[in-house]
Full PDB file with SEQRES, HELIX, SHEET, SSBOND, CRYST1, ORIGX, SCALE, CONECT and MASTER records, all heavy atoms in Angstrom:
SEQRES   1 A   32  LEU VAL ASP GLN VAL SER ARG GLU GLY GLY THR PRO LEU          
SEQRES   2 A   32  VAL VAL ALA GLU HIS GLN ASP GLY GLU THR ALA ARG VAL          
SEQRES   3 A   32  LEU GLY VAL ILE TYR LEU                                      
HELIX    1 AA1 VAL A    2  ARG A    7  1                                   6    
SHEET    1 AA1 2 PRO A  12  GLU A  17  0                                        
SHEET    2 AA1 2 ARG A  25  TYR A  31 -1                                        
CRYST1    1.000    1.000    1.000  90.00  90.00  90.00 P 1           1          
ORIGX1      1.000000  0.000000  0.000000        0.00000                         
ORIGX2      0.000000  1.000000  0.000000        0.00000                         
ORIGX3      0.000000  0.000000  1.000000        0.00000                         
SCALE1      1.000000  0.000000  0.000000        0.00000                         
SCALE2      0.000000  1.000000  0.000000        0.00000                         
SCALE3      0.000000  0.000000  1.000000        0.00000                         
ATOM      1  N   LEU A   1     145.080 171.509 153.427  1.00  0.00           N  
ATOM      2  CA  LEU A   1     145.607 170.707 152.339  1.00  0.00           C  
ATOM      3  C   LEU A   1     147.083 171.129 152.079  1.00  0.00           C  
ATOM      4  O   LEU A   1     147.947 170.273 151.846  1.00  0.00           O  
ATOM      5  CB  LEU A   1     144.772 170.808 151.084  1.00  0.00           C  
ATOM      6  CG  LEU A   1     143.434 170.136 151.057  1.00  0.00           C  
ATOM      7  CD1 LEU A   1     142.659 170.494 149.752  1.00  0.00           C  
ATOM      8  CD2 LEU A   1     143.665 168.608 151.135  1.00  0.00           C  
ATOM      9  N   VAL A   2     147.353 172.408 152.078  1.00  0.00           N  
ATOM     10  CA  VAL A   2     148.701 172.940 151.837  1.00  0.00           C  
ATOM     11  C   VAL A   2     149.639 172.385 152.934  1.00  0.00           C  
ATOM     12  O   VAL A   2     150.780 171.906 152.668  1.00  0.00           O  
ATOM     13  CB  VAL A   2     148.761 174.417 151.781  1.00  0.00           C  
ATOM     14  CG1 VAL A   2     150.159 174.979 151.798  1.00  0.00           C  
ATOM     15  CG2 VAL A   2     148.000 174.942 150.521  1.00  0.00           C  
ATOM     16  N   ASP A   3     149.199 172.467 154.195  1.00  0.00           N  
ATOM     17  CA  ASP A   3     150.022 171.960 155.272  1.00  0.00           C  
ATOM     18  C   ASP A   3     150.229 170.467 155.221  1.00  0.00           C  
ATOM     19  O   ASP A   3     151.320 170.019 155.554  1.00  0.00           O  
ATOM     20  CB  ASP A   3     149.339 172.380 156.644  1.00  0.00           C  
ATOM     21  CG  ASP A   3     149.382 173.848 156.930  1.00  0.00           C  
ATOM     22  OD1 ASP A   3     150.205 174.531 156.280  1.00  0.00           O  
ATOM     23  OD2 ASP A   3     148.608 174.350 157.723  1.00  0.00           O  
ATOM     24  N   GLN A   4     149.197 169.764 154.813  1.00  0.00           N  
ATOM     25  CA  GLN A   4     149.299 168.300 154.673  1.00  0.00           C  
ATOM     26  C   GLN A   4     150.415 167.915 153.677  1.00  0.00           C  
ATOM     27  O   GLN A   4     151.210 167.023 154.011  1.00  0.00           O  
ATOM     28  CB  GLN A   4     147.935 167.675 154.260  1.00  0.00           C  
ATOM     29  CG  GLN A   4     148.009 166.229 153.964  1.00  0.00           C  
ATOM     30  CD  GLN A   4     146.739 165.699 153.330  1.00  0.00           C  
ATOM     31  OE1 GLN A   4     145.652 166.291 153.553  1.00  0.00           O  
ATOM     32  NE2 GLN A   4     146.849 164.621 152.557  1.00  0.00           N  
ATOM     33  N   VAL A   5     150.393 168.552 152.525  1.00  0.00           N  
ATOM     34  CA  VAL A   5     151.419 168.287 151.516  1.00  0.00           C  
ATOM     35  C   VAL A   5     152.799 168.613 152.040  1.00  0.00           C  
ATOM     36  O   VAL A   5     153.778 167.867 151.864  1.00  0.00           O  
ATOM     37  CB  VAL A   5     151.142 169.015 150.226  1.00  0.00           C  
ATOM     38  CG1 VAL A   5     152.252 168.896 149.237  1.00  0.00           C  
ATOM     39  CG2 VAL A   5     149.801 168.551 149.568  1.00  0.00           C  
ATOM     40  N   SER A   6     152.962 169.709 152.727  1.00  0.00           N  
ATOM     41  CA  SER A   6     154.248 170.139 153.251  1.00  0.00           C  
ATOM     42  C   SER A   6     154.742 169.179 154.317  1.00  0.00           C  
ATOM     43  O   SER A   6     155.923 168.858 154.329  1.00  0.00           O  
ATOM     44  CB  SER A   6     154.119 171.569 153.810  1.00  0.00           C  
ATOM     45  OG  SER A   6     153.807 172.487 152.800  1.00  0.00           O  
ATOM     46  N   ARG A   7     153.822 168.730 155.169  1.00  0.00           N  
ATOM     47  CA  ARG A   7     154.273 167.768 156.223  1.00  0.00           C  
ATOM     48  C   ARG A   7     154.771 166.494 155.614  1.00  0.00           C  
ATOM     49  O   ARG A   7     155.657 165.849 156.202  1.00  0.00           O  
ATOM     50  CB  ARG A   7     153.044 167.495 157.141  1.00  0.00           C  
ATOM     51  CG  ARG A   7     152.800 168.553 158.217  1.00  0.00           C  
ATOM     52  CD  ARG A   7     151.840 168.006 159.276  1.00  0.00           C  
ATOM     53  NE  ARG A   7     150.637 167.427 158.772  1.00  0.00           N  
ATOM     54  CZ  ARG A   7     149.564 168.128 158.480  1.00  0.00           C  
ATOM     55  NH1 ARG A   7     149.497 169.401 158.759  1.00  0.00           N  
ATOM     56  NH2 ARG A   7     148.436 167.485 158.053  1.00  0.00           N  
ATOM     57  N   GLU A   8     154.212 166.102 154.531  1.00  0.00           N  
ATOM     58  CA  GLU A   8     154.601 164.858 153.896  1.00  0.00           C  
ATOM     59  C   GLU A   8     155.863 164.998 152.997  1.00  0.00           C  
ATOM     60  O   GLU A   8     156.213 164.061 152.323  1.00  0.00           O  
ATOM     61  CB  GLU A   8     153.490 164.299 153.056  1.00  0.00           C  
ATOM     62  CG  GLU A   8     152.263 163.854 153.938  1.00  0.00           C  
ATOM     63  CD  GLU A   8     151.103 163.418 153.089  1.00  0.00           C  
ATOM     64  OE1 GLU A   8     151.220 163.339 151.855  1.00  0.00           O  
ATOM     65  OE2 GLU A   8     150.037 163.103 153.695  1.00  0.00           O  
ATOM     66  N   GLY A   9     156.447 166.198 153.016  1.00  0.00           N  
ATOM     67  CA  GLY A   9     157.713 166.392 152.276  1.00  0.00           C  
ATOM     68  C   GLY A   9     157.485 166.816 150.867  1.00  0.00           C  
ATOM     69  O   GLY A   9     158.450 166.846 150.055  1.00  0.00           O  
ATOM     70  N   GLY A  10     156.245 167.124 150.458  1.00  0.00           N  
ATOM     71  CA  GLY A  10     155.953 167.548 149.109  1.00  0.00           C  
ATOM     72  C   GLY A  10     155.912 169.061 148.936  1.00  0.00           C  
ATOM     73  O   GLY A  10     156.093 169.791 149.906  1.00  0.00           O  
ATOM     74  N   THR A  11     155.683 169.487 147.752  1.00  0.00           N  
ATOM     75  CA  THR A  11     155.579 170.909 147.427  1.00  0.00           C  
ATOM     76  C   THR A  11     154.137 171.164 146.973  1.00  0.00           C  
ATOM     77  O   THR A  11     153.670 170.571 145.976  1.00  0.00           O  
ATOM     78  CB  THR A  11     156.556 171.346 146.321  1.00  0.00           C  
ATOM     79  OG1 THR A  11     157.870 171.125 146.757  1.00  0.00           O  
ATOM     80  CG2 THR A  11     156.357 172.828 145.999  1.00  0.00           C  
ATOM     81  N   PRO A  12     153.330 172.010 147.689  1.00  0.00           N  
ATOM     82  CA  PRO A  12     151.958 172.274 147.286  1.00  0.00           C  
ATOM     83  C   PRO A  12     151.847 173.394 146.235  1.00  0.00           C  
ATOM     84  O   PRO A  12     152.483 174.445 146.388  1.00  0.00           O  
ATOM     85  CB  PRO A  12     151.304 172.674 148.596  1.00  0.00           C  
ATOM     86  CG  PRO A  12     152.423 173.306 149.387  1.00  0.00           C  
ATOM     87  CD  PRO A  12     153.666 172.605 148.955  1.00  0.00           C  
ATOM     88  N   LEU A  13     151.108 173.081 145.192  1.00  0.00           N  
ATOM     89  CA  LEU A  13     150.740 174.163 144.225  1.00  0.00           C  
ATOM     90  C   LEU A  13     149.222 174.298 144.253  1.00  0.00           C  
ATOM     91  O   LEU A  13     148.505 173.257 144.238  1.00  0.00           O  
ATOM     92  CB  LEU A  13     151.210 173.816 142.807  1.00  0.00           C  
ATOM     93  CG  LEU A  13     152.721 173.726 142.568  1.00  0.00           C  
ATOM     94  CD1 LEU A  13     152.950 173.369 141.086  1.00  0.00           C  
ATOM     95  CD2 LEU A  13     153.413 174.996 142.934  1.00  0.00           C  
ATOM     96  N   VAL A  14     148.753 175.523 144.328  1.00  0.00           N  
ATOM     97  CA  VAL A  14     147.307 175.744 144.442  1.00  0.00           C  
ATOM     98  C   VAL A  14     146.731 176.074 143.087  1.00  0.00           C  
ATOM     99  O   VAL A  14     147.329 176.839 142.292  1.00  0.00           O  
ATOM    100  CB  VAL A  14     147.020 176.882 145.418  1.00  0.00           C  
ATOM    101  CG1 VAL A  14     145.538 177.235 145.444  1.00  0.00           C  
ATOM    102  CG2 VAL A  14     147.477 176.480 146.823  1.00  0.00           C  
ATOM    103  N   VAL A  15     145.564 175.549 142.766  1.00  0.00           N  
ATOM    104  CA  VAL A  15     144.824 175.828 141.540  1.00  0.00           C  
ATOM    105  C   VAL A  15     143.530 176.606 141.844  1.00  0.00           C  
ATOM    106  O   VAL A  15     142.778 176.203 142.749  1.00  0.00           O  
ATOM    107  CB  VAL A  15     144.431 174.499 140.778  1.00  0.00           C  
ATOM    108  CG1 VAL A  15     143.718 174.867 139.443  1.00  0.00           C  
ATOM    109  CG2 VAL A  15     145.686 173.693 140.494  1.00  0.00           C  
ATOM    110  N   ALA A  16     143.324 177.718 141.150  1.00  0.00           N  
ATOM    111  CA  ALA A  16     142.125 178.533 141.429  1.00  0.00           C  
ATOM    112  C   ALA A  16     141.489 179.001 140.093  1.00  0.00           C  
ATOM    113  O   ALA A  16     142.201 179.049 139.084  1.00  0.00           O  
ATOM    114  CB  ALA A  16     142.544 179.720 142.283  1.00  0.00           C  
ATOM    115  N   GLU A  17     140.279 179.423 140.173  1.00  0.00           N  
ATOM    116  CA  GLU A  17     139.619 179.961 138.976  1.00  0.00           C  
ATOM    117  C   GLU A  17     138.716 181.194 139.371  1.00  0.00           C  
ATOM    118  O   GLU A  17     138.337 181.320 140.523  1.00  0.00           O  
ATOM    119  CB  GLU A  17     138.754 178.906 138.326  1.00  0.00           C  
ATOM    120  CG  GLU A  17     137.558 178.463 139.115  1.00  0.00           C  
ATOM    121  CD  GLU A  17     136.638 177.494 138.394  1.00  0.00           C  
ATOM    122  OE1 GLU A  17     136.937 177.204 137.187  1.00  0.00           O  
ATOM    123  OE2 GLU A  17     135.663 176.988 138.964  1.00  0.00           O  
ATOM    124  N   HIS A  18     138.464 182.032 138.339  1.00  0.00           N  
ATOM    125  CA  HIS A  18     137.661 183.202 138.551  1.00  0.00           C  
ATOM    126  C   HIS A  18     136.875 183.485 137.274  1.00  0.00           C  
ATOM    127  O   HIS A  18     137.477 183.717 136.201  1.00  0.00           O  
ATOM    128  CB  HIS A  18     138.526 184.429 138.907  1.00  0.00           C  
ATOM    129  CG  HIS A  18     137.744 185.676 139.101  1.00  0.00           C  
ATOM    130  ND1 HIS A  18     138.183 186.905 138.658  1.00  0.00           N  
ATOM    131  CD2 HIS A  18     136.497 185.904 139.612  1.00  0.00           C  
ATOM    132  CE1 HIS A  18     137.301 187.842 138.940  1.00  0.00           C  
ATOM    133  NE2 HIS A  18     136.251 187.267 139.550  1.00  0.00           N  
ATOM    134  N   GLN A  19     135.576 183.445 137.368  1.00  0.00           N  
ATOM    135  CA  GLN A  19     134.692 183.756 136.265  1.00  0.00           C  
ATOM    136  C   GLN A  19     134.081 185.124 136.461  1.00  0.00           C  
ATOM    137  O   GLN A  19     133.702 185.466 137.585  1.00  0.00           O  
ATOM    138  CB  GLN A  19     133.551 182.721 136.217  1.00  0.00           C  
ATOM    139  CG  GLN A  19     132.590 182.863 135.048  1.00  0.00           C  
ATOM    140  CD  GLN A  19     133.105 182.203 133.765  1.00  0.00           C  
ATOM    141  OE1 GLN A  19     133.813 181.228 133.823  1.00  0.00           O  
ATOM    142  NE2 GLN A  19     132.786 182.797 132.640  1.00  0.00           N  
ATOM    143  N   ASP A  20     134.029 185.879 135.396  1.00  0.00           N  
ATOM    144  CA  ASP A  20     133.401 187.238 135.507  1.00  0.00           C  
ATOM    145  C   ASP A  20     132.085 187.134 136.170  1.00  0.00           C  
ATOM    146  O   ASP A  20     131.252 186.268 135.790  1.00  0.00           O  
ATOM    147  CB  ASP A  20     133.348 187.887 134.148  1.00  0.00           C  
ATOM    148  CG  ASP A  20     134.622 188.539 133.659  1.00  0.00           C  
ATOM    149  OD1 ASP A  20     135.559 188.574 134.493  1.00  0.00           O  
ATOM    150  OD2 ASP A  20     134.706 188.951 132.519  1.00  0.00           O  
ATOM    151  N   GLY A  21     131.862 188.000 137.142  1.00  0.00           N  
ATOM    152  CA  GLY A  21     130.530 188.000 137.811  1.00  0.00           C  
ATOM    153  C   GLY A  21     130.453 187.039 138.925  1.00  0.00           C  
ATOM    154  O   GLY A  21     129.395 187.007 139.605  1.00  0.00           O  
ATOM    155  N   GLU A  22     131.482 186.236 139.149  1.00  0.00           N  
ATOM    156  CA  GLU A  22     131.446 185.330 140.274  1.00  0.00           C  
ATOM    157  C   GLU A  22     132.672 185.539 141.181  1.00  0.00           C  
ATOM    158  O   GLU A  22     133.588 186.270 140.817  1.00  0.00           O  
ATOM    159  CB  GLU A  22     131.483 183.882 139.727  1.00  0.00           C  
ATOM    160  CG  GLU A  22     130.299 183.479 138.875  1.00  0.00           C  
ATOM    161  CD  GLU A  22     130.395 182.062 138.376  1.00  0.00           C  
ATOM    162  OE1 GLU A  22     131.326 181.338 138.816  1.00  0.00           O  
ATOM    163  OE2 GLU A  22     129.593 181.640 137.517  1.00  0.00           O  
ATOM    164  N   THR A  23     132.601 184.914 142.353  1.00  0.00           N  
ATOM    165  CA  THR A  23     133.719 185.081 143.326  1.00  0.00           C  
ATOM    166  C   THR A  23     134.821 184.058 142.979  1.00  0.00           C  
ATOM    167  O   THR A  23     134.537 182.902 142.680  1.00  0.00           O  
ATOM    168  CB  THR A  23     133.216 184.775 144.776  1.00  0.00           C  
ATOM    169  OG1 THR A  23     132.169 185.667 145.041  1.00  0.00           O  
ATOM    170  CG2 THR A  23     134.330 184.984 145.777  1.00  0.00           C  
ATOM    171  N   ALA A  24     136.026 184.509 143.002  1.00  0.00           N  
ATOM    172  CA  ALA A  24     137.187 183.615 142.741  1.00  0.00           C  
ATOM    173  C   ALA A  24     137.224 182.554 143.852  1.00  0.00           C  
ATOM    174  O   ALA A  24     136.904 182.780 144.999  1.00  0.00           O  
ATOM    175  CB  ALA A  24     138.476 184.424 142.758  1.00  0.00           C  
ATOM    176  N   ARG A  25     137.600 181.366 143.434  1.00  0.00           N  
ATOM    177  CA  ARG A  25     137.684 180.286 144.403  1.00  0.00           C  
ATOM    178  C   ARG A  25     138.878 179.341 144.106  1.00  0.00           C  
ATOM    179  O   ARG A  25     139.305 179.253 142.978  1.00  0.00           O  
ATOM    180  CB  ARG A  25     136.375 179.484 144.383  1.00  0.00           C  
ATOM    181  CG  ARG A  25     136.156 178.754 143.061  1.00  0.00           C  
ATOM    182  CD  ARG A  25     135.030 177.767 143.133  1.00  0.00           C  
ATOM    183  NE  ARG A  25     134.786 177.044 141.898  1.00  0.00           N  
ATOM    184  CZ  ARG A  25     134.108 175.904 141.777  1.00  0.00           C  
ATOM    185  NH1 ARG A  25     133.548 175.383 142.889  1.00  0.00           N  
ATOM    186  NH2 ARG A  25     133.929 175.342 140.590  1.00  0.00           N  
ATOM    187  N   VAL A  26     139.298 178.666 145.202  1.00  0.00           N  
ATOM    188  CA  VAL A  26     140.358 177.706 145.070  1.00  0.00           C  
ATOM    189  C   VAL A  26     139.732 176.318 144.779  1.00  0.00           C  
ATOM    190  O   VAL A  26     138.757 175.941 145.450  1.00  0.00           O  
ATOM    191  CB  VAL A  26     141.181 177.635 146.367  1.00  0.00           C  
ATOM    192  CG1 VAL A  26     142.143 176.373 146.322  1.00  0.00           C  
ATOM    193  CG2 VAL A  26     141.921 178.866 146.614  1.00  0.00           C  
ATOM    194  N   LEU A  27     140.247 175.661 143.746  1.00  0.00           N  
ATOM    195  CA  LEU A  27     139.709 174.345 143.362  1.00  0.00           C  
ATOM    196  C   LEU A  27     140.406 173.192 144.110  1.00  0.00           C  
ATOM    197  O   LEU A  27     139.770 172.140 144.363  1.00  0.00           O  
ATOM    198  CB  LEU A  27     139.905 174.135 141.856  1.00  0.00           C  
ATOM    199  CG  LEU A  27     139.175 175.153 140.937  1.00  0.00           C  
ATOM    200  CD1 LEU A  27     139.545 174.870 139.480  1.00  0.00           C  
ATOM    201  CD2 LEU A  27     137.720 175.138 141.223  1.00  0.00           C  
ATOM    202  N   GLY A  28     141.671 173.377 144.418  1.00  0.00           N  
ATOM    203  CA  GLY A  28     142.408 172.306 145.106  1.00  0.00           C  
ATOM    204  C   GLY A  28     143.903 172.509 145.106  1.00  0.00           C  
ATOM    205  O   GLY A  28     144.389 173.583 144.696  1.00  0.00           O  
ATOM    206  N   VAL A  29     144.580 171.453 145.465  1.00  0.00           N  
ATOM    207  CA  VAL A  29     146.044 171.550 145.582  1.00  0.00           C  
ATOM    208  C   VAL A  29     146.718 170.406 144.766  1.00  0.00           C  
ATOM    209  O   VAL A  29     146.210 169.255 144.810  1.00  0.00           O  
ATOM    210  CB  VAL A  29     146.489 171.392 147.093  1.00  0.00           C  
ATOM    211  CG1 VAL A  29     147.972 171.348 147.248  1.00  0.00           C  
ATOM    212  CG2 VAL A  29     145.900 172.580 147.906  1.00  0.00           C  
ATOM    213  N   ILE A  30     147.739 170.748 144.076  1.00  0.00           N  
ATOM    214  CA  ILE A  30     148.570 169.759 143.373  1.00  0.00           C  
ATOM    215  C   ILE A  30     149.732 169.342 144.288  1.00  0.00           C  
ATOM    216  O   ILE A  30     150.429 170.188 144.830  1.00  0.00           O  
ATOM    217  CB  ILE A  30     149.102 170.349 142.044  1.00  0.00           C  
ATOM    218  CG1 ILE A  30     148.005 170.768 141.136  1.00  0.00           C  
ATOM    219  CG2 ILE A  30     150.018 169.335 141.351  1.00  0.00           C  
ATOM    220  CD1 ILE A  30     148.448 171.593 139.934  1.00  0.00           C  
ATOM    221  N   TYR A  31     149.871 168.059 144.450  1.00  0.00           N  
ATOM    222  CA  TYR A  31     150.968 167.514 145.289  1.00  0.00           C  
ATOM    223  C   TYR A  31     152.164 167.241 144.392  1.00  0.00           C  
ATOM    224  O   TYR A  31     152.151 166.293 143.585  1.00  0.00           O  
ATOM    225  CB  TYR A  31     150.495 166.223 145.964  1.00  0.00           C  
ATOM    226  CG  TYR A  31     151.416 165.664 147.023  1.00  0.00           C  
ATOM    227  CD1 TYR A  31     150.908 164.898 148.029  1.00  0.00           C  
ATOM    228  CD2 TYR A  31     152.765 165.827 147.003  1.00  0.00           C  
ATOM    229  CE1 TYR A  31     151.705 164.343 148.987  1.00  0.00           C  
ATOM    230  CE2 TYR A  31     153.607 165.266 147.919  1.00  0.00           C  
ATOM    231  CZ  TYR A  31     153.073 164.511 148.969  1.00  0.00           C  
ATOM    232  OH  TYR A  31     153.849 163.970 149.917  1.00  0.00           O  
ATOM    233  N   LEU A  32     153.168 168.111 144.481  1.00  0.00           N  
ATOM    234  CA  LEU A  32     154.459 167.890 143.730  1.00  0.00           C  
ATOM    235  C   LEU A  32     155.420 167.152 144.720  1.00  0.00           C  
ATOM    236  O   LEU A  32     155.685 167.585 145.787  1.00  0.00           O  
ATOM    237  CB  LEU A  32     155.053 169.210 143.340  1.00  0.00           C  
ATOM    238  CG  LEU A  32     154.473 169.964 142.165  1.00  0.00           C  
ATOM    239  CD1 LEU A  32     155.329 171.216 141.855  1.00  0.00           C  
ATOM    240  CD2 LEU A  32     154.384 169.123 140.899  1.00  0.00           C  
TER     241      LEU A  32                                                      
MASTER        0    0    0    1    2    0    0    6  240    1    0    3          
END                                                                             
């Protein structure tokens, strides 16, 4: 997803979350 946004001339921002007791994960990419 990051590469896709970059190829299209955009700026990728990544959104992630981490809950105590769980594994941190990436939710997705914001296309700027």
